[in-house]
Amino acid sequence: MDEALAAARTAVSMDNQNARLYMLMGRVQLARREYRSALAESETAIKLNPTLAPAYCGLGDSLSYEGRYEEAIANFEKAVEMSPNHP
C-alpha cells in the first residue's frame, strides 16, 4: 500500500488536473483506512470531472466508513445512474 500511495502521489504531481488519478489515490487511501484523506481525494476527483462515475462510488465508500450513510447511498445511486453497467 505504501508503494501504491507513493505512485499515486507521483502521478498527481505530474498531472494535477487528472480526476482519475485523484480517484485512484482516494481508493488507495481507503484501503489504508485513511478515510478522511480518501474522502478529500474523491471530492477533488469529482470537482475536476463531475461525470466520473467511479469517483462517486469511491466517495460513497469513504462516506460509509465515516458513518455518513445517507450521503453514501446518494453517491452510490448517482454512480449507478451515471454508469448503470459499470462493475
PDB file of N, CA and C in Angstrom:
ATOM      1  N   MET A   1       0.816  -1.189   0.000  1.00  0.00           N
ATOM      2  CA  MET A   1       0.000   0.000   0.000  1.00  0.00           C
ATOM      3  C   MET A   1       0.865   1.261   0.000  1.00  0.00           C
ATOM      4  N   ASP A   2       2.022   1.196   0.659  1.00  0.00           N
ATOM      5  CA  ASP A   2       2.908   2.366   0.674  1.00  0.00           C
ATOM      6  C   ASP A   2       3.373   2.694  -0.741  1.00  0.00           C
ATOM      7  N   GLU A   3       3.737   1.670  -1.493  1.00  0.00           N
ATOM      8  CA  GLU A   3       4.192   1.883  -2.864  1.00  0.00           C
ATOM      9  C   GLU A   3       3.066   2.411  -3.746  1.00  0.00           C
ATOM     10  N   ALA A   4       1.880   1.892  -3.544  1.00  0.00           N
ATOM     11  CA  ALA A   4       0.735   2.348  -4.333  1.00  0.00           C
ATOM     12  C   ALA A   4       0.437   3.815  -4.048  1.00  0.00           C
ATOM     13  N   LEU A   5       0.496   4.204  -2.780  1.00  0.00           N
ATOM     14  CA  LEU A   5       0.241   5.595  -2.431  1.00  0.00           C
ATOM     15  C   LEU A   5       1.335   6.499  -2.987  1.00  0.00           C
ATOM     16  N   ALA A   6       2.575   6.066  -2.900  1.00  0.00           N
ATOM     17  CA  ALA A   6       3.682   6.863  -3.454  1.00  0.00           C
ATOM     18  C   ALA A   6       3.518   7.031  -4.966  1.00  0.00           C
ATOM     19  N   ALA A   7       3.132   5.970  -5.646  1.00  0.00           N
ATOM     20  CA  ALA A   7       2.928   6.048  -7.096  1.00  0.00           C
ATOM     21  C   ALA A   7       1.780   6.998  -7.431  1.00  0.00           C
ATOM     22  N   ALA A   8       0.708   6.925  -6.667  1.00  0.00           N
ATOM     23  CA  ALA A   8      -0.438   7.817  -6.905  1.00  0.00           C
ATOM     24  C   ALA A   8      -0.041   9.272  -6.681  1.00  0.00           C
ATOM     25  N   ARG A   9       0.693   9.517  -5.627  1.00  0.00           N
ATOM     26  CA  ARG A   9       1.143  10.894  -5.355  1.00  0.00           C
ATOM     27  C   ARG A   9       2.058  11.409  -6.457  1.00  0.00           C
ATOM     28  N   THR A  10       2.932  10.547  -6.941  1.00  0.00           N
ATOM     29  CA  THR A  10       3.822  10.933  -8.049  1.00  0.00           C
ATOM     30  C   THR A  10       3.005  11.261  -9.283  1.00  0.00           C
ATOM     31  N   ALA A  11       2.033  10.425  -9.586  1.00  0.00           N
ATOM     32  CA  ALA A  11       1.190  10.655 -10.766  1.00  0.00           C
ATOM     33  C   ALA A  11       0.434  11.971 -10.648  1.00  0.00           C
ATOM     34  N   VAL A  12      -0.128  12.257  -9.478  1.00  0.00           N
ATOM     35  CA  VAL A  12      -0.859  13.515  -9.276  1.00  0.00           C
ATOM     36  C   VAL A  12       0.084  14.702  -9.402  1.00  0.00           C
ATOM     37  N   SER A  13       1.310  14.561  -8.924  1.00  0.00           N
ATOM     38  CA  SER A  13       2.259  15.673  -9.036  1.00  0.00           C
ATOM     39  C   SER A  13       2.628  15.952 -10.492  1.00  0.00           C
ATOM     40  N   MET A  14       2.485  14.939 -11.341  1.00  0.00           N
ATOM     41  CA  MET A  14       2.789  15.107 -12.767  1.00  0.00           C
ATOM     42  C   MET A  14       1.603  15.651 -13.550  1.00  0.00           C
ATOM     43  N   ASP A  15       0.385  15.418 -13.037  1.00  0.00           N
ATOM     44  CA  ASP A  15      -0.829  15.897 -13.711  1.00  0.00           C
ATOM     45  C   ASP A  15      -1.912  16.134 -12.664  1.00  0.00           C
ATOM     46  N   ASN A  16      -1.907  17.332 -12.096  1.00  0.00           N
ATOM     47  CA  ASN A  16      -2.841  17.623 -11.010  1.00  0.00           C
ATOM     48  C   ASN A  16      -4.231  18.029 -11.490  1.00  0.00           C
ATOM     49  N   GLN A  17      -4.505  17.829 -12.756  1.00  0.00           N
ATOM     50  CA  GLN A  17      -5.834  18.096 -13.304  1.00  0.00           C
ATOM     51  C   GLN A  17      -6.534  16.818 -13.764  1.00  0.00           C
ATOM     52  N   ASN A  18      -5.934  15.681 -13.470  1.00  0.00           N
ATOM     53  CA  ASN A  18      -6.468  14.394 -13.902  1.00  0.00           C
ATOM     54  C   ASN A  18      -7.324  13.799 -12.787  1.00  0.00           C
ATOM     55  N   ALA A  19      -8.619  13.806 -12.974  1.00  0.00           N
ATOM     56  CA  ALA A  19      -9.554  13.326 -11.958  1.00  0.00           C
ATOM     57  C   ALA A  19      -9.340  11.851 -11.632  1.00  0.00           C
ATOM     58  N   ARG A  20      -9.013  11.056 -12.622  1.00  0.00           N
ATOM     59  CA  ARG A  20      -8.818   9.621 -12.374  1.00  0.00           C
ATOM     60  C   ARG A  20      -7.670   9.361 -11.399  1.00  0.00           C
ATOM     61  N   LEU A  21      -6.643  10.176 -11.478  1.00  0.00           N
ATOM     62  CA  LEU A  21      -5.512   9.993 -10.567  1.00  0.00           C
ATOM     63  C   LEU A  21      -5.921  10.277  -9.125  1.00  0.00           C
ATOM     64  N   TYR A  22      -6.711  11.322  -8.925  1.00  0.00           N
ATOM     65  CA  TYR A  22      -7.208  11.608  -7.579  1.00  0.00           C
ATOM     66  C   TYR A  22      -8.135  10.497  -7.095  1.00  0.00           C
ATOM     67  N   MET A  23      -8.958   9.994  -8.000  1.00  0.00           N
ATOM     68  CA  MET A  23      -9.855   8.905  -7.641  1.00  0.00           C
ATOM     69  C   MET A  23      -9.048   7.682  -7.197  1.00  0.00           C
ATOM     70  N   LEU A  24      -8.013   7.356  -7.958  1.00  0.00           N
ATOM     71  CA  LEU A  24      -7.183   6.203  -7.613  1.00  0.00           C
ATOM     72  C   LEU A  24      -6.441   6.420  -6.300  1.00  0.00           C
ATOM     73  N   MET A  25      -5.959   7.634  -6.072  1.00  0.00           N
ATOM     74  CA  MET A  25      -5.284   7.917  -4.815  1.00  0.00           C
ATOM     75  C   MET A  25      -6.271   7.749  -3.653  1.00  0.00           C
ATOM     76  N   GLY A  26      -7.496   8.192  -3.854  1.00  0.00           N
ATOM     77  CA  GLY A  26      -8.515   8.011  -2.833  1.00  0.00           C
ATOM     78  C   GLY A  26      -8.784   6.547  -2.539  1.00  0.00           C
ATOM     79  N   ARG A  27      -8.788   5.716  -3.569  1.00  0.00           N
ATOM     80  CA  ARG A  27      -9.028   4.283  -3.374  1.00  0.00           C
ATOM     81  C   ARG A  27      -7.883   3.654  -2.576  1.00  0.00           C
ATOM     82  N   VAL A  28      -6.667   4.071  -2.869  1.00  0.00           N
ATOM     83  CA  VAL A  28      -5.525   3.556  -2.108  1.00  0.00           C
ATOM     84  C   VAL A  28      -5.648   3.990  -0.648  1.00  0.00           C
ATOM     85  N   GLN A  29      -5.989   5.243  -0.429  1.00  0.00           N
ATOM     86  CA  GLN A  29      -6.127   5.726   0.947  1.00  0.00           C
ATOM     87  C   GLN A  29      -7.276   5.020   1.669  1.00  0.00           C
ATOM     88  N   LEU A  30      -8.316   4.706   0.948  1.00  0.00           N
ATOM     89  CA  LEU A  30      -9.427   3.952   1.545  1.00  0.00           C
ATOM     90  C   LEU A  30      -8.927   2.577   2.007  1.00  0.00           C
ATOM     91  N   ALA A  31      -8.157   1.909   1.172  1.00  0.00           N
ATOM     92  CA  ALA A  31      -7.603   0.602   1.524  1.00  0.00           C
ATOM     93  C   ALA A  31      -6.655   0.704   2.726  1.00  0.00           C
ATOM     94  N   ARG A  32      -6.027   1.858   2.879  1.00  0.00           N
ATOM     95  CA  ARG A  32      -5.120   2.094   4.007  1.00  0.00           C
ATOM     96  C   ARG A  32      -5.874   2.547   5.267  1.00  0.00           C
ATOM     97  N   ARG A  33      -7.181   2.642   5.158  1.00  0.00           N
ATOM     98  CA  ARG A  33      -8.044   3.100   6.254  1.00  0.00           C
ATOM     99  C   ARG A  33      -7.811   4.565   6.613  1.00  0.00           C
ATOM    100  N   GLU A  34      -7.431   5.339   5.619  1.00  0.00           N
ATOM    101  CA  GLU A  34      -7.259   6.781   5.768  1.00  0.00           C
ATOM    102  C   GLU A  34      -8.508   7.436   5.175  1.00  0.00           C
ATOM    103  N   TYR A  35      -9.610   7.287   5.902  1.00  0.00           N
ATOM    104  CA  TYR A  35     -10.925   7.611   5.359  1.00  0.00           C
ATOM    105  C   TYR A  35     -11.108   9.087   5.029  1.00  0.00           C
ATOM    106  N   ARG A  36     -10.648   9.960   5.864  1.00  0.00           N
ATOM    107  CA  ARG A  36     -10.827  11.392   5.589  1.00  0.00           C
ATOM    108  C   ARG A  36     -10.011  11.831   4.386  1.00  0.00           C
ATOM    109  N   SER A  37      -8.808  11.305   4.257  1.00  0.00           N
ATOM    110  CA  SER A  37      -7.994  11.622   3.078  1.00  0.00           C
ATOM    111  C   SER A  37      -8.637  11.055   1.824  1.00  0.00           C
ATOM    112  N   ALA A  38      -9.164   9.848   1.924  1.00  0.00           N
ATOM    113  CA  ALA A  38      -9.845   9.230   0.786  1.00  0.00           C
ATOM    114  C   ALA A  38     -11.047  10.062   0.372  1.00  0.00           C
ATOM    115  N   LEU A  39     -11.767  10.551   1.342  1.00  0.00           N
ATOM    116  CA  LEU A  39     -12.924  11.408   1.088  1.00  0.00           C
ATOM    117  C   LEU A  39     -12.505  12.666   0.333  1.00  0.00           C
ATOM    118  N   ALA A  40     -11.455  13.302   0.786  1.00  0.00           N
ATOM    119  CA  ALA A  40     -10.980  14.538   0.150  1.00  0.00           C
ATOM    120  C   ALA A  40     -10.529  14.285  -1.290  1.00  0.00           C
ATOM    121  N   GLU A  41      -9.848  13.180  -1.525  1.00  0.00           N
ATOM    122  CA  GLU A  41      -9.371  12.893  -2.888  1.00  0.00           C
ATOM    123  C   GLU A  41     -10.543  12.590  -3.821  1.00  0.00           C
ATOM    124  N   SER A  42     -11.547  11.887  -3.319  1.00  0.00           N
ATOM    125  CA  SER A  42     -12.734  11.614  -4.140  1.00  0.00           C
ATOM    126  C   SER A  42     -13.461  12.911  -4.472  1.00  0.00           C
ATOM    127  N   GLU A  43     -13.561  13.797  -3.501  1.00  0.00           N
ATOM    128  CA  GLU A  43     -14.209  15.086  -3.750  1.00  0.00           C
ATOM    129  C   GLU A  43     -13.436  15.899  -4.783  1.00  0.00           C
ATOM    130  N   THR A  44     -12.117  15.847  -4.721  1.00  0.00           N
ATOM    131  CA  THR A  44     -11.299  16.551  -5.718  1.00  0.00           C
ATOM    132  C   THR A  44     -11.521  15.953  -7.099  1.00  0.00           C
ATOM    133  N   ALA A  45     -11.575  14.625  -7.182  1.00  0.00           N
ATOM    134  CA  ALA A  45     -11.815  13.965  -8.466  1.00  0.00           C
ATOM    135  C   ALA A  45     -13.141  14.427  -9.064  1.00  0.00           C
ATOM    136  N   ILE A  46     -14.164  14.524  -8.237  1.00  0.00           N
ATOM    137  CA  ILE A  46     -15.486  14.937  -8.724  1.00  0.00           C
ATOM    138  C   ILE A  46     -15.491  16.399  -9.141  1.00  0.00           C
ATOM    139  N   LYS A  47     -14.761  17.237  -8.421  1.00  0.00           N
ATOM    140  CA  LYS A  47     -14.669  18.647  -8.813  1.00  0.00           C
ATOM    141  C   LYS A  47     -14.003  18.785 -10.176  1.00  0.00           C
ATOM    142  N   LEU A  48     -12.991  17.966 -10.408  1.00  0.00           N
ATOM    143  CA  LEU A  48     -12.284  18.018 -11.689  1.00  0.00           C
ATOM    144  C   LEU A  48     -13.086  17.400 -12.830  1.00  0.00           C
ATOM    145  N   ASN A  49     -13.853  16.362 -12.514  1.00  0.00           N
ATOM    146  CA  ASN A  49     -14.643  15.688 -13.545  1.00  0.00           C
ATOM    147  C   ASN A  49     -15.949  15.190 -12.937  1.00  0.00           C
ATOM    148  N   PRO A  50     -16.978  16.028 -12.953  1.00  0.00           N
ATOM    149  CA  PRO A  50     -18.248  15.635 -12.345  1.00  0.00           C
ATOM    150  C   PRO A  50     -18.981  14.509 -13.061  1.00  0.00           C
ATOM    151  N   THR A  51     -18.444  14.006 -14.153  1.00  0.00           N
ATOM    152  CA  THR A  51     -19.064  12.891 -14.866  1.00  0.00           C
ATOM    153  C   THR A  51     -18.327  11.570 -14.634  1.00  0.00           C
ATOM    154  N   LEU A  52     -17.386  11.543 -13.727  1.00  0.00           N
ATOM    155  CA  LEU A  52     -16.592  10.337 -13.456  1.00  0.00           C
ATOM    156  C   LEU A  52     -17.319   9.470 -12.421  1.00  0.00           C
ATOM    157  N   ALA A  53     -18.137   8.566 -12.903  1.00  0.00           N
ATOM    158  CA  ALA A  53     -18.989   7.745 -12.038  1.00  0.00           C
ATOM    159  C   ALA A  53     -18.210   6.982 -10.961  1.00  0.00           C
ATOM    160  N   PRO A  54     -17.064   6.361 -11.258  1.00  0.00           N
ATOM    161  CA  PRO A  54     -16.353   5.632 -10.201  1.00  0.00           C
ATOM    162  C   PRO A  54     -15.905   6.528  -9.038  1.00  0.00           C
ATOM    163  N   ALA A  55     -15.734   7.805  -9.298  1.00  0.00           N
ATOM    164  CA  ALA A  55     -15.361   8.721  -8.212  1.00  0.00           C
ATOM    165  C   ALA A  55     -16.512   8.857  -7.211  1.00  0.00           C
ATOM    166  N   TYR A  56     -17.742   8.836  -7.705  1.00  0.00           N
ATOM    167  CA  TYR A  56     -18.900   8.891  -6.807  1.00  0.00           C
ATOM    168  C   TYR A  56     -18.990   7.617  -5.963  1.00  0.00           C
ATOM    169  N   CYS A  57     -18.619   6.501  -6.548  1.00  0.00           N
ATOM    170  CA  CYS A  57     -18.596   5.245  -5.809  1.00  0.00           C
ATOM    171  C   CYS A  57     -17.531   5.317  -4.709  1.00  0.00           C
ATOM    172  N   GLY A  58     -16.351   5.824  -5.062  1.00  0.00           N
ATOM    173  CA  GLY A  58     -15.291   5.993  -4.069  1.00  0.00           C
ATOM    174  C   GLY A  58     -15.706   6.937  -2.960  1.00  0.00           C
ATOM    175  N   LEU A  59     -16.397   7.998  -3.329  1.00  0.00           N
ATOM    176  CA  LEU A  59     -16.897   8.939  -2.333  1.00  0.00           C
ATOM    177  C   LEU A  59     -17.910   8.246  -1.427  1.00  0.00           C
ATOM    178  N   GLY A  60     -18.791   7.452  -2.020  1.00  0.00           N
ATOM    179  CA  GLY A  60     -19.764   6.705  -1.229  1.00  0.00           C
ATOM    180  C   GLY A  60     -19.091   5.749  -0.259  1.00  0.00           C
ATOM    181  N   ASP A  61     -18.063   5.054  -0.718  1.00  0.00           N
ATOM    182  CA  ASP A  61     -17.325   4.150   0.176  1.00  0.00           C
ATOM    183  C   ASP A  61     -16.718   4.925   1.343  1.00  0.00           C
ATOM    184  N   SER A  62     -16.082   6.038   1.034  1.00  0.00           N
ATOM    185  CA  SER A  62     -15.440   6.836   2.081  1.00  0.00           C
ATOM    186  C   SER A  62     -16.466   7.368   3.074  1.00  0.00           C
ATOM    187  N   LEU A  63     -17.580   7.839   2.566  1.00  0.00           N
ATOM    188  CA  LEU A  63     -18.632   8.352   3.443  1.00  0.00           C
ATOM    189  C   LEU A  63     -19.190   7.259   4.342  1.00  0.00           C
ATOM    190  N   SER A  64     -19.330   6.059   3.802  1.00  0.00           N
ATOM    191  CA  SER A  64     -19.877   4.969   4.621  1.00  0.00           C
ATOM    192  C   SER A  64     -18.933   4.611   5.765  1.00  0.00           C
ATOM    193  N   TYR A  65     -17.633   4.658   5.520  1.00  0.00           N
ATOM    194  CA  TYR A  65     -16.684   4.387   6.596  1.00  0.00           C
ATOM    195  C   TYR A  65     -16.676   5.495   7.644  1.00  0.00           C
ATOM    196  N   GLU A  66     -17.133   6.661   7.263  1.00  0.00           N
ATOM    197  CA  GLU A  66     -17.263   7.776   8.210  1.00  0.00           C
ATOM    198  C   GLU A  66     -18.622   7.741   8.922  1.00  0.00           C
ATOM    199  N   GLY A  67     -19.463   6.754   8.574  1.00  0.00           N
ATOM    200  CA  GLY A  67     -20.776   6.634   9.200  1.00  0.00           C
ATOM    201  C   GLY A  67     -21.812   7.581   8.624  1.00  0.00           C
ATOM    202  N   ARG A  68     -21.536   8.143   7.474  1.00  0.00           N
ATOM    203  CA  ARG A  68     -22.434   9.098   6.822  1.00  0.00           C
ATOM    204  C   ARG A  68     -23.227   8.359   5.739  1.00  0.00           C
ATOM    205  N   TYR A  69     -24.097   7.468   6.195  1.00  0.00           N
ATOM    206  CA  TYR A  69     -24.735   6.505   5.305  1.00  0.00           C
ATOM    207  C   TYR A  69     -25.691   7.112   4.288  1.00  0.00           C
ATOM    208  N   GLU A  70     -26.465   8.079   4.673  1.00  0.00           N
ATOM    209  CA  GLU A  70     -27.404   8.679   3.712  1.00  0.00           C
ATOM    210  C   GLU A  70     -26.656   9.357   2.573  1.00  0.00           C
ATOM    211  N   GLU A  71     -25.588  10.065   2.906  1.00  0.00           N
ATOM    212  CA  GLU A  71     -24.777  10.693   1.866  1.00  0.00           C
ATOM    213  C   GLU A  71     -24.105   9.631   0.995  1.00  0.00           C
ATOM    214  N   ALA A  72     -23.657   8.552   1.635  1.00  0.00           N
ATOM    215  CA  ALA A  72     -23.014   7.469   0.893  1.00  0.00           C
ATOM    216  C   ALA A  72     -23.984   6.876  -0.123  1.00  0.00           C
ATOM    217  N   ILE A  73     -25.202   6.584   0.318  1.00  0.00           N
ATOM    218  CA  ILE A  73     -26.207   5.996  -0.577  1.00  0.00           C
ATOM    219  C   ILE A  73     -26.496   6.924  -1.744  1.00  0.00           C
ATOM    220  N   ALA A  74     -26.607   8.210  -1.474  1.00  0.00           N
ATOM    221  CA  ALA A  74     -26.867   9.174  -2.556  1.00  0.00           C
ATOM    222  C   ALA A  74     -25.755   9.140  -3.597  1.00  0.00           C
ATOM    223  N   ASN A  75     -24.516   8.999  -3.153  1.00  0.00           N
ATOM    224  CA  ASN A  75     -23.398   8.935  -4.101  1.00  0.00           C
ATOM    225  C   ASN A  75     -23.354   7.621  -4.848  1.00  0.00           C
ATOM    226  N   PHE A  76     -23.689   6.519  -4.174  1.00  0.00           N
ATOM    227  CA  PHE A  76     -23.767   5.234  -4.878  1.00  0.00           C
ATOM    228  C   PHE A  76     -24.857   5.287  -5.954  1.00  0.00           C
ATOM    229  N   GLU A  77     -25.996   5.858  -5.602  1.00  0.00           N
ATOM    230  CA  GLU A  77     -27.087   5.969  -6.569  1.00  0.00           C
ATOM    231  C   GLU A  77     -26.686   6.833  -7.757  1.00  0.00           C
ATOM    232  N   LYS A  78     -25.959   7.902  -7.497  1.00  0.00           N
ATOM    233  CA  LYS A  78     -25.506   8.775  -8.584  1.00  0.00           C
ATOM    234  C   LYS A  78     -24.550   8.006  -9.498  1.00  0.00           C
ATOM    235  N   ALA A  79     -23.651   7.231  -8.902  1.00  0.00           N
ATOM    236  CA  ALA A  79     -22.707   6.447  -9.701  1.00  0.00           C
ATOM    237  C   ALA A  79     -23.444   5.457 -10.597  1.00  0.00           C
ATOM    238  N   VAL A  80     -24.436   4.782 -10.048  1.00  0.00           N
ATOM    239  CA  VAL A  80     -25.208   3.804 -10.828  1.00  0.00           C
ATOM    240  C   VAL A  80     -26.010   4.510 -11.916  1.00  0.00           C
ATOM    241  N   GLU A  81     -26.595   5.656 -11.587  1.00  0.00           N
ATOM    242  CA  GLU A  81     -27.360   6.425 -12.568  1.00  0.00           C
ATOM    243  C   GLU A  81     -26.474   6.864 -13.740  1.00  0.00           C
ATOM    244  N   MET A  82     -25.262   7.284 -13.417  1.00  0.00           N
ATOM    245  CA  MET A  82     -24.356   7.766 -14.451  1.00  0.00           C
ATOM    246  C   MET A  82     -23.787   6.650 -15.303  1.00  0.00           C
ATOM    247  N   SER A  83     -23.580   5.501 -14.695  1.00  0.00           N
ATOM    248  CA  SER A  83     -22.949   4.390 -15.403  1.00  0.00           C
ATOM    249  C   SER A  83     -23.552   3.063 -14.930  1.00  0.00           C
ATOM    250  N   PRO A  84     -24.779   2.759 -15.386  1.00  0.00           N
ATOM    251  CA  PRO A  84     -25.502   1.596 -14.870  1.00  0.00           C
ATOM    252  C   PRO A  84     -24.830   0.246 -15.165  1.00  0.00           C
ATOM    253  N   ASN A  85     -23.947   0.179 -16.138  1.00  0.00           N
ATOM    254  CA  ASN A  85     -23.319  -1.091 -16.470  1.00  0.00           C
ATOM    255  C   ASN A  85     -21.898  -1.223 -15.931  1.00  0.00           C
ATOM    256  N   HIS A  86     -21.451  -0.218 -15.215  1.00  0.00           N
ATOM    257  CA  HIS A  86     -20.096  -0.254 -14.659  1.00  0.00           C
ATOM    258  C   HIS A  86     -20.061  -1.262 -13.506  1.00  0.00           C
ATOM    259  N   PRO A  87     -19.035  -2.101 -13.464  1.00  0.00           N
ATOM    260  CA  PRO A  87     -18.990  -3.113 -12.395  1.00  0.00           C
ATOM    261  C   PRO A  87     -18.867  -2.485 -11.022  1.00  0.00           C
TER     262      PRO A  87
END
